[in-house]
Amino acid sequence: MAIIALGVYYFAGVNDLTVKGFKLQEAKKTANFLSEENKGIELRVTALESINNLSERAKSLKLVAAGNIDYLTVKSEVVAKK
């Protein structure tokens, strides 16, 4: 009777390890897929943020480039008083 009980326990353990192995394999596949998808998205973001793309978009929106910029200089730390 003990041998049968140990056999059933052994097969249950092997079955559990097999199921966990399949789940781990599926999780690794999902992680690899998501990693590749993330790399593709990062490349697309980089392309969209490029200077050439941004300047073309600015021209299509009829934006004007900033020319000479004048900065205000304040002599004291206080700008406004109540």
C-alpha atoms as a PDB file:
ATOM      1  CA  MET A   1       0.000   0.000   0.000  1.00  0.00           C
ATOM      2  CA  ALA A   2       2.874   2.373   0.845  1.00  0.00           C
ATOM      3  CA  ILE A   3       4.531   1.717  -2.509  1.00  0.00           C
ATOM      4  CA  ILE A   4       1.304   2.621  -4.337  1.00  0.00           C
ATOM      5  CA  ALA A   5       0.931   5.795  -2.247  1.00  0.00           C
ATOM      6  CA  LEU A   6       4.534   6.794  -2.944  1.00  0.00           C
ATOM      7  CA  GLY A   7       4.039   6.062  -6.667  1.00  0.00           C
ATOM      8  CA  VAL A   8       0.945   8.257  -6.813  1.00  0.00           C
ATOM      9  CA  TYR A   9       2.784  10.996  -4.889  1.00  0.00           C
ATOM     10  CA  TYR A  10       5.757  10.713  -7.267  1.00  0.00           C
ATOM     11  CA  PHE A  11       3.591  10.955 -10.388  1.00  0.00           C
ATOM     12  CA  ALA A  12       1.689  13.909  -8.920  1.00  0.00           C
ATOM     13  CA  GLY A  13       4.986  15.675  -8.275  1.00  0.00           C
ATOM     14  CA  VAL A  14       6.286  14.947 -11.770  1.00  0.00           C
ATOM     15  CA  ASN A  15       2.999  16.157 -13.246  1.00  0.00           C
ATOM     16  CA  ASP A  16       3.204  19.379 -11.204  1.00  0.00           C
ATOM     17  CA  LEU A  17       6.783  20.019 -12.348  1.00  0.00           C
ATOM     18  CA  THR A  18       5.800  19.392 -15.975  1.00  0.00           C
ATOM     19  CA  VAL A  19       2.913  21.848 -15.770  1.00  0.00           C
ATOM     20  CA  LYS A  20       5.145  24.476 -14.144  1.00  0.00           C
ATOM     21  CA  GLY A  21       7.748  23.903 -16.858  1.00  0.00           C
ATOM     22  CA  PHE A  22       5.172  24.554 -19.582  1.00  0.00           C
ATOM     23  CA  LYS A  23       3.983  27.690 -17.789  1.00  0.00           C
ATOM     24  CA  LEU A  24       7.576  28.906 -17.450  1.00  0.00           C
ATOM     25  CA  GLN A  25       8.225  28.253 -21.135  1.00  0.00           C
ATOM     26  CA  GLU A  26       5.085  30.195 -22.090  1.00  0.00           C
ATOM     27  CA  ALA A  27       6.081  33.072 -19.794  1.00  0.00           C
ATOM     28  CA  LYS A  28       9.544  33.212 -21.412  1.00  0.00           C
ATOM     29  CA  LYS A  29       7.967  33.315 -24.882  1.00  0.00           C
ATOM     30  CA  THR A  30       5.684  36.141 -23.794  1.00  0.00           C
ATOM     31  CA  ALA A  31       8.612  38.040 -22.250  1.00  0.00           C
ATOM     32  CA  ASN A  32      10.671  37.675 -25.439  1.00  0.00           C
ATOM     33  CA  PHE A  33       7.738  38.812 -27.593  1.00  0.00           C
ATOM     34  CA  LEU A  34       7.135  41.847 -25.391  1.00  0.00           C
ATOM     35  CA  SER A  35      10.843  42.673 -25.378  1.00  0.00           C
ATOM     36  CA  GLU A  36      10.962  42.641 -29.184  1.00  0.00           C
ATOM     37  CA  GLU A  37       7.779  44.710 -29.365  1.00  0.00           C
ATOM     38  CA  ASN A  38       9.264  47.208 -26.889  1.00  0.00           C
ATOM     39  CA  LYS A  39      12.420  47.528 -29.019  1.00  0.00           C
ATOM     40  CA  GLY A  40      10.270  48.234 -32.076  1.00  0.00           C
ATOM     41  CA  ILE A  41       8.298  50.888 -30.232  1.00  0.00           C
ATOM     42  CA  GLU A  42      11.508  52.510 -28.954  1.00  0.00           C
ATOM     43  CA  LEU A  43      12.849  52.659 -32.517  1.00  0.00           C
ATOM     44  CA  ARG A  44       9.614  54.262 -33.695  1.00  0.00           C
ATOM     45  CA  VAL A  45       9.745  56.827 -30.882  1.00  0.00           C
ATOM     46  CA  THR A  46      13.347  57.628 -31.742  1.00  0.00           C
ATOM     47  CA  ALA A  47      12.424  58.111 -35.386  1.00  0.00           C
ATOM     48  CA  LEU A  48       9.491  60.360 -34.487  1.00  0.00           C
ATOM     49  CA  GLU A  49      11.682  62.447 -32.172  1.00  0.00           C
ATOM     50  CA  SER A  50      14.428  62.985 -34.745  1.00  0.00           C
ATOM     51  CA  ILE A  51      15.359  66.542 -35.705  1.00  0.00           C
ATOM     52  CA  ASN A  52      14.399  66.008 -39.351  1.00  0.00           C
ATOM     53  CA  ASN A  53      10.962  64.664 -38.461  1.00  0.00           C
ATOM     54  CA  LEU A  54      10.324  67.425 -35.910  1.00  0.00           C
ATOM     55  CA  SER A  55      11.383  70.173 -38.316  1.00  0.00           C
ATOM     56  CA  GLU A  56       9.122  68.753 -41.035  1.00  0.00           C
ATOM     57  CA  ARG A  57       6.212  68.618 -38.610  1.00  0.00           C
ATOM     58  CA  ALA A  58       6.922  72.185 -37.488  1.00  0.00           C
ATOM     59  CA  LYS A  59       6.855  73.344 -41.115  1.00  0.00           C
ATOM     60  CA  SER A  60       3.594  71.502 -41.761  1.00  0.00           C
ATOM     61  CA  LEU A  61       2.057  73.218 -38.722  1.00  0.00           C
ATOM     62  CA  LYS A  62       3.357  76.568 -40.033  1.00  0.00           C
ATOM     63  CA  LEU A  63       5.404  77.218 -36.907  1.00  0.00           C
ATOM     64  CA  VAL A  64       8.066  79.895 -37.036  1.00  0.00           C
ATOM     65  CA  ALA A  65      11.554  79.339 -35.653  1.00  0.00           C
ATOM     66  CA  ALA A  66      12.545  81.509 -32.714  1.00  0.00           C
ATOM     67  CA  GLY A  67      15.019  84.216 -33.644  1.00  0.00           C
ATOM     68  CA  ASN A  68      17.005  86.343 -31.247  1.00  0.00           C
ATOM     69  CA  ILE A  69      15.943  85.769 -27.659  1.00  0.00           C
ATOM     70  CA  ASP A  70      16.249  88.613 -25.158  1.00  0.00           C
ATOM     71  CA  TYR A  71      16.366  87.704 -21.482  1.00  0.00           C
ATOM     72  CA  LEU A  72      15.308  89.943 -18.636  1.00  0.00           C
ATOM     73  CA  THR A  73      17.849  90.596 -15.931  1.00  0.00           C
ATOM     74  CA  VAL A  74      16.603  91.418 -12.472  1.00  0.00           C
ATOM     75  CA  LYS A  75      18.917  93.345 -10.171  1.00  0.00           C
ATOM     76  CA  SER A  76      17.452  92.181  -6.876  1.00  0.00           C
ATOM     77  CA  GLU A  77      16.109  88.893  -5.620  1.00  0.00           C
ATOM     78  CA  VAL A  78      12.575  90.267  -5.154  1.00  0.00           C
ATOM     79  CA  VAL A  79      10.462  90.565  -8.276  1.00  0.00           C
ATOM     80  CA  ALA A  80       7.160  91.594  -6.714  1.00  0.00           C
ATOM     81  CA  LYS A  81       6.081  92.830  -3.305  1.00  0.00           C
ATOM     82  CA  LYS A  82       2.722  92.558  -1.678  1.00  0.00           C
END
